Amino acid sequence: MIIVSVSEQMLYHRRKTGVWYAYPVSTASKGVGNLSGSLQTPLGRHRIAEKIGHGLPPLTAFRAREPFCIYDPQSDDPKKDWILTRILWLSGCETGKNRRGKVDTYRRYIYIHGTHEEEKIGTPASHGCIRMNNEDMLELFENSYAGESVRIGS
C-alpha cells in the first residue's frame, strides 16, 4: 500500500514485510484536483496500472512512456518537465471521482516518477504527477507491484 500526503509532501509505502518506508515527494504546484487539464494532483483511491522502466539506467528520460535518452544536466533543457528513471502509471478506482470521463487519472497520464528537479522535492512543483528523488524512485519501483493500492489525500 502506498499513501501520498499532499500536505506533508510525503509518500509512505507499506511493503509486503509490513514495514513502512517514507519518501519526500513533490506534488502539483496548482494543488489538488481531479479534472483533466487542471495540472493538479488527483485525490482518492488509485492503483499502480503499469510499471515502466525496469532494468534501465538511472536518469533514463521517457517520452510517451518510451525511453529516449539519458538525462544530462549539462546539455538538456532544464525547463522541460523531465520524466526520469522509472514510471509508476496510476489508474483511478473511484468512478466519477478519478476514473472515467473528465476525471480519469489514467487518461491524464498521472505517474509517480523521478525528476531532474530534485532540489524542489518537498514542495509542490509538478504538473500533476508525484515526483520523487531518482534514488528513491528506484527503491520504490523495485519494492512495489502492478495492482498495488495507492491512496492520495490532502
N, C-alpha and C. Protein backbone atom coordinates (compact mmCIF):
# COMPACT_ATOMS: atom_id res chain seq x y z
N MET A 1 0.84 -1.18 0.00
CA MET A 1 0.00 0.00 0.00
C MET A 1 0.88 1.24 0.00
N ILE A 2 0.50 2.20 -0.84
CA ILE A 2 1.19 3.48 -0.92
C ILE A 2 0.21 4.57 -0.53
N ILE A 3 0.66 5.47 0.34
CA ILE A 3 -0.13 6.63 0.74
C ILE A 3 0.67 7.88 0.42
N VAL A 4 0.04 8.80 -0.30
CA VAL A 4 0.67 10.09 -0.61
C VAL A 4 -0.07 11.16 0.19
N SER A 5 0.68 11.90 1.02
CA SER A 5 0.12 13.01 1.77
C SER A 5 0.56 14.31 1.10
N VAL A 6 -0.40 14.99 0.48
CA VAL A 6 -0.10 16.23 -0.21
C VAL A 6 0.34 17.31 0.78
N SER A 7 -0.33 17.41 1.93
CA SER A 7 0.01 18.44 2.91
C SER A 7 1.42 18.26 3.47
N GLU A 8 1.86 17.02 3.60
CA GLU A 8 3.20 16.74 4.11
C GLU A 8 4.25 16.64 3.01
N GLN A 9 3.80 16.51 1.75
CA GLN A 9 4.70 16.26 0.61
C GLN A 9 5.54 15.01 0.90
N MET A 10 4.84 13.96 1.31
CA MET A 10 5.48 12.69 1.65
C MET A 10 4.71 11.53 1.02
N LEU A 11 5.46 10.47 0.70
CA LEU A 11 4.89 9.22 0.23
C LEU A 11 5.29 8.15 1.23
N TYR A 12 4.32 7.37 1.67
CA TYR A 12 4.55 6.28 2.62
C TYR A 12 4.25 4.96 1.92
N HIS A 13 5.16 4.02 2.04
CA HIS A 13 4.99 2.73 1.38
C HIS A 13 5.08 1.62 2.40
N ARG A 14 4.00 0.84 2.49
CA ARG A 14 4.00 -0.34 3.35
C ARG A 14 4.32 -1.54 2.47
N ARG A 15 5.48 -2.10 2.72
CA ARG A 15 5.91 -3.24 1.92
C ARG A 15 5.26 -4.52 2.42
N LYS A 16 5.44 -5.57 1.64
CA LYS A 16 4.84 -6.86 1.98
C LYS A 16 5.30 -7.37 3.34
N THR A 17 6.48 -6.91 3.79
CA THR A 17 7.00 -7.32 5.10
C THR A 17 6.25 -6.65 6.24
N GLY A 18 5.45 -5.62 5.92
CA GLY A 18 4.73 -4.87 6.94
C GLY A 18 5.46 -3.63 7.40
N VAL A 19 6.69 -3.43 6.94
CA VAL A 19 7.49 -2.27 7.33
C VAL A 19 7.12 -1.08 6.44
N TRP A 20 6.97 0.08 7.08
CA TRP A 20 6.65 1.32 6.36
C TRP A 20 7.94 2.06 6.00
N TYR A 21 7.98 2.62 4.80
CA TYR A 21 9.08 3.46 4.34
C TYR A 21 8.50 4.82 3.96
N ALA A 22 9.27 5.88 4.20
CA ALA A 22 8.79 7.24 3.92
C ALA A 22 9.75 7.93 2.96
N TYR A 23 9.18 8.64 1.98
CA TYR A 23 9.96 9.34 0.97
C TYR A 23 9.39 10.74 0.77
N PRO A 24 10.23 11.76 0.69
CA PRO A 24 9.71 13.09 0.33
C PRO A 24 9.35 13.11 -1.15
N VAL A 25 8.31 13.86 -1.49
CA VAL A 25 7.84 13.94 -2.87
C VAL A 25 7.52 15.39 -3.22
N SER A 26 7.15 15.59 -4.46
CA SER A 26 6.66 16.88 -4.93
C SER A 26 5.38 16.62 -5.71
N THR A 27 4.27 17.19 -5.24
CA THR A 27 3.01 17.08 -5.95
C THR A 27 2.79 18.36 -6.75
N ALA A 28 1.61 18.56 -7.28
CA ALA A 28 1.34 19.65 -8.22
C ALA A 28 1.46 21.04 -7.60
N SER A 29 2.07 21.94 -8.34
CA SER A 29 2.19 23.33 -7.90
C SER A 29 0.81 24.01 -7.86
N LYS A 30 -0.16 23.48 -8.63
CA LYS A 30 -1.51 24.05 -8.67
C LYS A 30 -2.46 23.38 -7.68
N GLY A 31 -1.91 22.56 -6.77
CA GLY A 31 -2.73 21.94 -5.74
C GLY A 31 -3.37 20.63 -6.18
N VAL A 32 -4.50 20.32 -5.57
CA VAL A 32 -5.15 19.04 -5.83
C VAL A 32 -6.45 19.25 -6.62
N GLY A 33 -6.75 18.27 -7.45
CA GLY A 33 -7.97 18.30 -8.24
C GLY A 33 -7.95 17.17 -9.25
N ASN A 34 -9.09 16.69 -9.61
CA ASN A 34 -9.17 15.50 -10.45
C ASN A 34 -9.53 15.80 -11.90
N LEU A 35 -9.82 17.03 -12.24
CA LEU A 35 -10.28 17.37 -13.58
C LEU A 35 -9.15 17.34 -14.60
N SER A 36 -9.41 16.72 -15.73
CA SER A 36 -8.45 16.68 -16.83
C SER A 36 -8.06 18.10 -17.24
N GLY A 37 -6.78 18.32 -17.48
CA GLY A 37 -6.29 19.62 -17.89
C GLY A 37 -6.03 20.59 -16.76
N SER A 38 -6.29 20.18 -15.53
CA SER A 38 -6.15 21.08 -14.38
C SER A 38 -4.70 21.24 -13.92
N LEU A 39 -3.82 20.32 -14.32
CA LEU A 39 -2.43 20.30 -13.85
C LEU A 39 -2.35 20.16 -12.33
N GLN A 40 -3.37 19.49 -11.75
CA GLN A 40 -3.41 19.26 -10.31
C GLN A 40 -3.23 17.77 -10.03
N THR A 41 -2.81 17.47 -8.81
CA THR A 41 -2.66 16.07 -8.38
C THR A 41 -4.03 15.52 -7.99
N PRO A 42 -4.42 14.38 -8.57
CA PRO A 42 -5.74 13.82 -8.27
C PRO A 42 -5.79 13.15 -6.90
N LEU A 43 -6.92 13.30 -6.24
CA LEU A 43 -7.13 12.69 -4.93
C LEU A 43 -7.85 11.35 -5.05
N GLY A 44 -7.82 10.58 -3.98
CA GLY A 44 -8.61 9.37 -3.89
C GLY A 44 -7.83 8.09 -4.01
N ARG A 45 -8.59 7.00 -4.19
CA ARG A 45 -8.01 5.66 -4.29
C ARG A 45 -7.59 5.37 -5.71
N HIS A 46 -6.37 4.91 -5.85
CA HIS A 46 -5.79 4.55 -7.14
C HIS A 46 -5.11 3.20 -7.01
N ARG A 47 -4.58 2.73 -8.13
CA ARG A 47 -3.74 1.55 -8.12
C ARG A 47 -2.64 1.77 -9.15
N ILE A 48 -1.54 1.03 -9.00
CA ILE A 48 -0.49 1.08 -10.00
C ILE A 48 -0.96 0.26 -11.19
N ALA A 49 -1.21 0.91 -12.30
CA ALA A 49 -1.70 0.23 -13.50
C ALA A 49 -0.54 -0.40 -14.28
N GLU A 50 0.58 0.33 -14.35
CA GLU A 50 1.74 -0.16 -15.11
C GLU A 50 3.02 0.32 -14.47
N LYS A 51 4.03 -0.54 -14.55
CA LYS A 51 5.39 -0.20 -14.11
C LYS A 51 6.25 -0.14 -15.37
N ILE A 52 6.92 0.99 -15.56
CA ILE A 52 7.68 1.21 -16.80
C ILE A 52 9.12 1.58 -16.47
N GLY A 53 10.06 0.90 -17.11
CA GLY A 53 11.47 1.26 -16.99
C GLY A 53 12.35 0.22 -16.33
N HIS A 54 11.81 -0.95 -16.06
CA HIS A 54 12.59 -1.98 -15.39
C HIS A 54 13.91 -2.25 -16.11
N GLY A 55 15.00 -2.25 -15.36
CA GLY A 55 16.30 -2.59 -15.89
C GLY A 55 17.04 -1.48 -16.61
N LEU A 56 16.40 -0.34 -16.80
CA LEU A 56 17.05 0.78 -17.48
C LEU A 56 17.94 1.55 -16.50
N PRO A 57 18.95 2.27 -17.01
CA PRO A 57 19.83 3.02 -16.12
C PRO A 57 19.10 4.17 -15.42
N PRO A 58 19.57 4.57 -14.23
CA PRO A 58 19.02 5.77 -13.59
C PRO A 58 19.16 6.96 -14.54
N LEU A 59 18.26 7.91 -14.41
CA LEU A 59 18.20 9.12 -15.23
C LEU A 59 17.80 8.86 -16.68
N THR A 60 17.29 7.65 -16.97
CA THR A 60 16.69 7.43 -18.29
C THR A 60 15.51 8.39 -18.41
N ALA A 61 15.45 9.10 -19.53
CA ALA A 61 14.35 10.02 -19.79
C ALA A 61 13.31 9.33 -20.66
N PHE A 62 12.04 9.58 -20.35
CA PHE A 62 10.93 8.97 -21.07
C PHE A 62 10.14 10.02 -21.82
N ARG A 63 9.70 9.66 -23.01
CA ARG A 63 8.78 10.47 -23.80
C ARG A 63 7.68 9.50 -24.25
N ALA A 64 6.44 9.82 -23.93
CA ALA A 64 5.32 8.93 -24.23
C ALA A 64 5.58 7.53 -23.67
N ARG A 65 6.16 7.49 -22.49
CA ARG A 65 6.45 6.25 -21.74
C ARG A 65 7.50 5.37 -22.41
N GLU A 66 8.22 5.90 -23.37
CA GLU A 66 9.29 5.18 -24.05
C GLU A 66 10.62 5.84 -23.71
N PRO A 67 11.66 5.03 -23.39
CA PRO A 67 12.96 5.64 -23.11
C PRO A 67 13.55 6.24 -24.39
N PHE A 68 14.13 7.45 -24.26
CA PHE A 68 14.72 8.05 -25.46
C PHE A 68 16.12 8.62 -25.25
N CYS A 69 16.56 8.80 -24.01
CA CYS A 69 17.93 9.25 -23.77
C CYS A 69 18.23 9.13 -22.28
N ILE A 70 19.47 9.40 -21.93
CA ILE A 70 19.86 9.55 -20.53
C ILE A 70 19.95 11.05 -20.27
N TYR A 71 19.25 11.53 -19.27
CA TYR A 71 19.24 12.96 -18.96
C TYR A 71 20.63 13.44 -18.60
N ASP A 72 21.04 14.55 -19.22
CA ASP A 72 22.33 15.17 -18.96
C ASP A 72 22.08 16.62 -18.52
N PRO A 73 22.30 16.92 -17.24
CA PRO A 73 22.01 18.27 -16.74
C PRO A 73 22.85 19.36 -17.40
N GLN A 74 23.98 18.98 -18.00
CA GLN A 74 24.84 19.97 -18.66
C GLN A 74 24.31 20.41 -20.02
N SER A 75 23.58 19.53 -20.70
CA SER A 75 23.16 19.87 -22.07
C SER A 75 21.65 19.81 -22.30
N ASP A 76 20.89 19.15 -21.44
CA ASP A 76 19.45 19.04 -21.67
C ASP A 76 18.70 20.21 -21.05
N ASP A 77 17.60 20.61 -21.69
CA ASP A 77 16.80 21.76 -21.29
C ASP A 77 16.20 21.58 -19.90
N PRO A 78 16.65 22.37 -18.91
CA PRO A 78 16.12 22.21 -17.55
C PRO A 78 14.71 22.75 -17.38
N LYS A 79 14.17 23.44 -18.39
CA LYS A 79 12.81 23.99 -18.30
C LYS A 79 11.74 22.98 -18.69
N LYS A 80 12.16 21.88 -19.33
CA LYS A 80 11.21 20.81 -19.67
C LYS A 80 10.79 20.07 -18.40
N ASP A 81 9.64 19.44 -18.45
CA ASP A 81 9.18 18.61 -17.33
C ASP A 81 9.66 17.19 -17.59
N TRP A 82 10.89 16.90 -17.21
CA TRP A 82 11.51 15.61 -17.48
C TRP A 82 10.90 14.51 -16.61
N ILE A 83 10.61 13.39 -17.23
CA ILE A 83 10.14 12.18 -16.53
C ILE A 83 11.31 11.22 -16.57
N LEU A 84 11.90 10.96 -15.41
CA LEU A 84 13.16 10.23 -15.35
C LEU A 84 13.07 8.94 -14.54
N THR A 85 14.00 8.05 -14.82
CA THR A 85 14.38 6.85 -14.06
C THR A 85 13.36 5.72 -14.14
N ARG A 86 12.13 5.92 -13.64
CA ARG A 86 11.08 4.91 -13.66
C ARG A 86 9.73 5.61 -13.66
N ILE A 87 8.71 4.85 -14.08
CA ILE A 87 7.33 5.36 -14.07
C ILE A 87 6.43 4.32 -13.40
N LEU A 88 5.64 4.79 -12.44
CA LEU A 88 4.51 4.02 -11.92
C LEU A 88 3.27 4.77 -12.40
N TRP A 89 2.57 4.20 -13.39
CA TRP A 89 1.41 4.84 -14.01
C TRP A 89 0.18 4.50 -13.18
N LEU A 90 -0.52 5.53 -12.72
CA LEU A 90 -1.66 5.34 -11.83
C LEU A 90 -2.99 5.30 -12.58
N SER A 91 -3.91 4.52 -12.02
CA SER A 91 -5.27 4.44 -12.53
C SER A 91 -6.22 4.65 -11.36
N GLY A 92 -7.22 5.50 -11.56
CA GLY A 92 -8.20 5.75 -10.50
C GLY A 92 -9.11 4.56 -10.27
N CYS A 93 -9.61 4.45 -9.06
CA CYS A 93 -10.51 3.35 -8.68
C CYS A 93 -11.92 3.82 -8.35
N GLU A 94 -12.16 5.13 -8.41
CA GLU A 94 -13.45 5.67 -7.99
C GLU A 94 -14.14 6.35 -9.18
N THR A 95 -15.11 5.66 -9.77
CA THR A 95 -15.83 6.18 -10.93
C THR A 95 -16.48 7.52 -10.58
N GLY A 96 -16.25 8.50 -11.45
CA GLY A 96 -16.80 9.83 -11.24
C GLY A 96 -15.90 10.74 -10.42
N LYS A 97 -14.95 10.16 -9.70
CA LYS A 97 -14.01 10.96 -8.90
C LYS A 97 -12.63 11.00 -9.55
N ASN A 98 -12.11 9.83 -9.93
CA ASN A 98 -10.79 9.77 -10.56
C ASN A 98 -10.72 8.69 -11.64
N ARG A 99 -11.89 8.26 -12.06
CA ARG A 99 -11.98 7.23 -13.10
C ARG A 99 -13.11 7.57 -14.06
N ARG A 100 -12.83 7.49 -15.34
CA ARG A 100 -13.77 7.73 -16.44
C ARG A 100 -14.06 9.22 -16.61
N GLY A 101 -14.53 9.55 -17.79
CA GLY A 101 -14.92 10.92 -18.10
C GLY A 101 -13.77 11.92 -17.98
N LYS A 102 -14.08 13.10 -17.49
CA LYS A 102 -13.11 14.19 -17.41
C LYS A 102 -12.24 14.14 -16.15
N VAL A 103 -12.34 13.05 -15.40
CA VAL A 103 -11.55 12.94 -14.17
C VAL A 103 -10.69 11.68 -14.16
N ASP A 104 -10.43 11.09 -15.31
CA ASP A 104 -9.74 9.80 -15.38
C ASP A 104 -8.23 9.96 -15.20
N THR A 105 -7.73 9.49 -14.06
CA THR A 105 -6.30 9.61 -13.72
C THR A 105 -5.42 8.93 -14.77
N TYR A 106 -5.81 7.77 -15.22
CA TYR A 106 -5.01 7.02 -16.19
C TYR A 106 -4.89 7.80 -17.50
N ARG A 107 -6.01 8.32 -18.00
CA ARG A 107 -6.01 9.08 -19.26
C ARG A 107 -5.34 10.44 -19.10
N ARG A 108 -5.18 10.90 -17.86
CA ARG A 108 -4.45 12.15 -17.59
C ARG A 108 -2.95 11.90 -17.55
N TYR A 109 -2.54 10.64 -17.63
CA TYR A 109 -1.12 10.26 -17.57
C TYR A 109 -0.48 10.74 -16.27
N ILE A 110 -1.13 10.39 -15.16
CA ILE A 110 -0.59 10.73 -13.85
C ILE A 110 0.32 9.60 -13.40
N TYR A 111 1.57 9.96 -13.09
CA TYR A 111 2.59 8.99 -12.70
C TYR A 111 3.20 9.35 -11.36
N ILE A 112 3.85 8.36 -10.78
CA ILE A 112 4.89 8.58 -9.78
C ILE A 112 6.18 8.36 -10.56
N HIS A 113 7.08 9.33 -10.56
CA HIS A 113 8.28 9.22 -11.39
C HIS A 113 9.44 10.02 -10.80
N GLY A 114 10.64 9.74 -11.30
CA GLY A 114 11.82 10.51 -10.94
C GLY A 114 11.82 11.85 -11.66
N THR A 115 12.66 12.78 -11.16
CA THR A 115 12.68 14.13 -11.70
C THR A 115 14.10 14.68 -11.80
N HIS A 116 14.26 15.66 -12.67
CA HIS A 116 15.53 16.39 -12.76
C HIS A 116 15.57 17.55 -11.75
N GLU A 117 14.44 17.88 -11.15
CA GLU A 117 14.35 18.99 -10.20
C GLU A 117 14.32 18.46 -8.76
N GLU A 118 15.33 17.69 -8.40
CA GLU A 118 15.36 17.09 -7.07
C GLU A 118 15.41 18.13 -5.96
N GLU A 119 15.95 19.31 -6.26
CA GLU A 119 16.02 20.37 -5.25
C GLU A 119 14.63 20.88 -4.86
N LYS A 120 13.62 20.60 -5.67
CA LYS A 120 12.25 21.03 -5.37
C LYS A 120 11.44 19.97 -4.61
N ILE A 121 12.02 18.79 -4.42
CA ILE A 121 11.32 17.74 -3.69
C ILE A 121 11.02 18.25 -2.28
N GLY A 122 9.80 18.02 -1.84
CA GLY A 122 9.36 18.50 -0.53
C GLY A 122 8.47 19.74 -0.65
N THR A 123 8.37 20.28 -1.88
CA THR A 123 7.49 21.41 -2.14
C THR A 123 6.65 21.11 -3.37
N PRO A 124 5.44 21.64 -3.45
CA PRO A 124 4.61 21.42 -4.63
C PRO A 124 5.25 22.07 -5.86
N ALA A 125 5.55 21.27 -6.90
CA ALA A 125 6.24 21.83 -8.07
C ALA A 125 5.90 21.11 -9.38
N SER A 126 5.12 20.02 -9.32
CA SER A 126 4.88 19.23 -10.53
C SER A 126 3.70 19.78 -11.33
N HIS A 127 3.44 19.12 -12.46
CA HIS A 127 2.29 19.47 -13.30
C HIS A 127 1.14 18.49 -13.09
N GLY A 128 1.11 17.83 -11.93
CA GLY A 128 0.04 16.90 -11.59
C GLY A 128 0.56 15.57 -11.08
N CYS A 129 1.72 15.16 -11.57
CA CYS A 129 2.30 13.88 -11.15
C CYS A 129 2.90 13.99 -9.74
N ILE A 130 3.37 12.87 -9.27
CA ILE A 130 4.07 12.80 -7.99
C ILE A 130 5.53 12.53 -8.32
N ARG A 131 6.36 13.52 -8.08
CA ARG A 131 7.79 13.43 -8.38
C ARG A 131 8.56 12.93 -7.16
N MET A 132 9.62 12.17 -7.45
CA MET A 132 10.49 11.66 -6.38
C MET A 132 11.95 11.85 -6.76
N ASN A 133 12.82 11.84 -5.74
CA ASN A 133 14.25 11.75 -6.00
C ASN A 133 14.49 10.47 -6.78
N ASN A 134 15.45 10.47 -7.67
CA ASN A 134 15.68 9.32 -8.54
C ASN A 134 16.09 8.06 -7.79
N GLU A 135 16.93 8.20 -6.78
CA GLU A 135 17.33 7.02 -5.99
C GLU A 135 16.13 6.44 -5.24
N ASP A 136 15.29 7.32 -4.69
CA ASP A 136 14.07 6.87 -4.00
C ASP A 136 13.13 6.19 -4.98
N MET A 137 13.05 6.73 -6.20
CA MET A 137 12.18 6.15 -7.23
C MET A 137 12.63 4.73 -7.57
N LEU A 138 13.93 4.53 -7.68
CA LEU A 138 14.45 3.18 -7.94
C LEU A 138 14.03 2.21 -6.85
N GLU A 139 14.17 2.64 -5.60
CA GLU A 139 13.83 1.78 -4.46
C GLU A 139 12.33 1.47 -4.43
N LEU A 140 11.50 2.49 -4.62
CA LEU A 140 10.04 2.28 -4.62
C LEU A 140 9.65 1.34 -5.77
N PHE A 141 10.21 1.57 -6.94
CA PHE A 141 9.89 0.75 -8.11
C PHE A 141 10.19 -0.73 -7.85
N GLU A 142 11.35 -0.99 -7.27
CA GLU A 142 11.76 -2.37 -7.02
C GLU A 142 10.91 -3.06 -5.96
N ASN A 143 10.28 -2.27 -5.10
CA ASN A 143 9.52 -2.84 -3.98
C ASN A 143 8.02 -2.66 -4.10
N SER A 144 7.54 -2.24 -5.26
CA SER A 144 6.10 -2.10 -5.50
C SER A 144 5.70 -3.07 -6.60
N TYR A 145 4.39 -3.20 -6.80
CA TYR A 145 3.92 -4.14 -7.82
C TYR A 145 2.70 -3.58 -8.55
N ALA A 146 2.51 -4.01 -9.78
CA ALA A 146 1.34 -3.62 -10.56
C ALA A 146 0.10 -4.09 -9.82
N GLY A 147 -0.87 -3.23 -9.71
CA GLY A 147 -2.10 -3.53 -8.98
C GLY A 147 -2.07 -3.03 -7.54
N GLU A 148 -0.91 -2.62 -7.07
CA GLU A 148 -0.80 -2.16 -5.68
C GLU A 148 -1.67 -0.92 -5.45
N SER A 149 -2.26 -0.84 -4.27
CA SER A 149 -3.13 0.27 -3.89
C SER A 149 -2.32 1.53 -3.63
N VAL A 150 -2.84 2.67 -4.14
CA VAL A 150 -2.23 3.98 -3.91
C VAL A 150 -3.35 4.92 -3.49
N ARG A 151 -3.21 5.53 -2.32
CA ARG A 151 -4.21 6.49 -1.84
C ARG A 151 -3.56 7.87 -1.77
N ILE A 152 -4.16 8.83 -2.45
CA ILE A 152 -3.65 10.20 -2.45
C ILE A 152 -4.64 11.06 -1.68
N GLY A 153 -4.15 11.69 -0.63
CA GLY A 153 -5.00 12.54 0.20
C GLY A 153 -4.37 13.89 0.46
N SER A 154 -5.21 14.85 0.80
CA SER A 154 -4.69 16.18 1.06
C SER A 154 -4.13 16.22 2.46
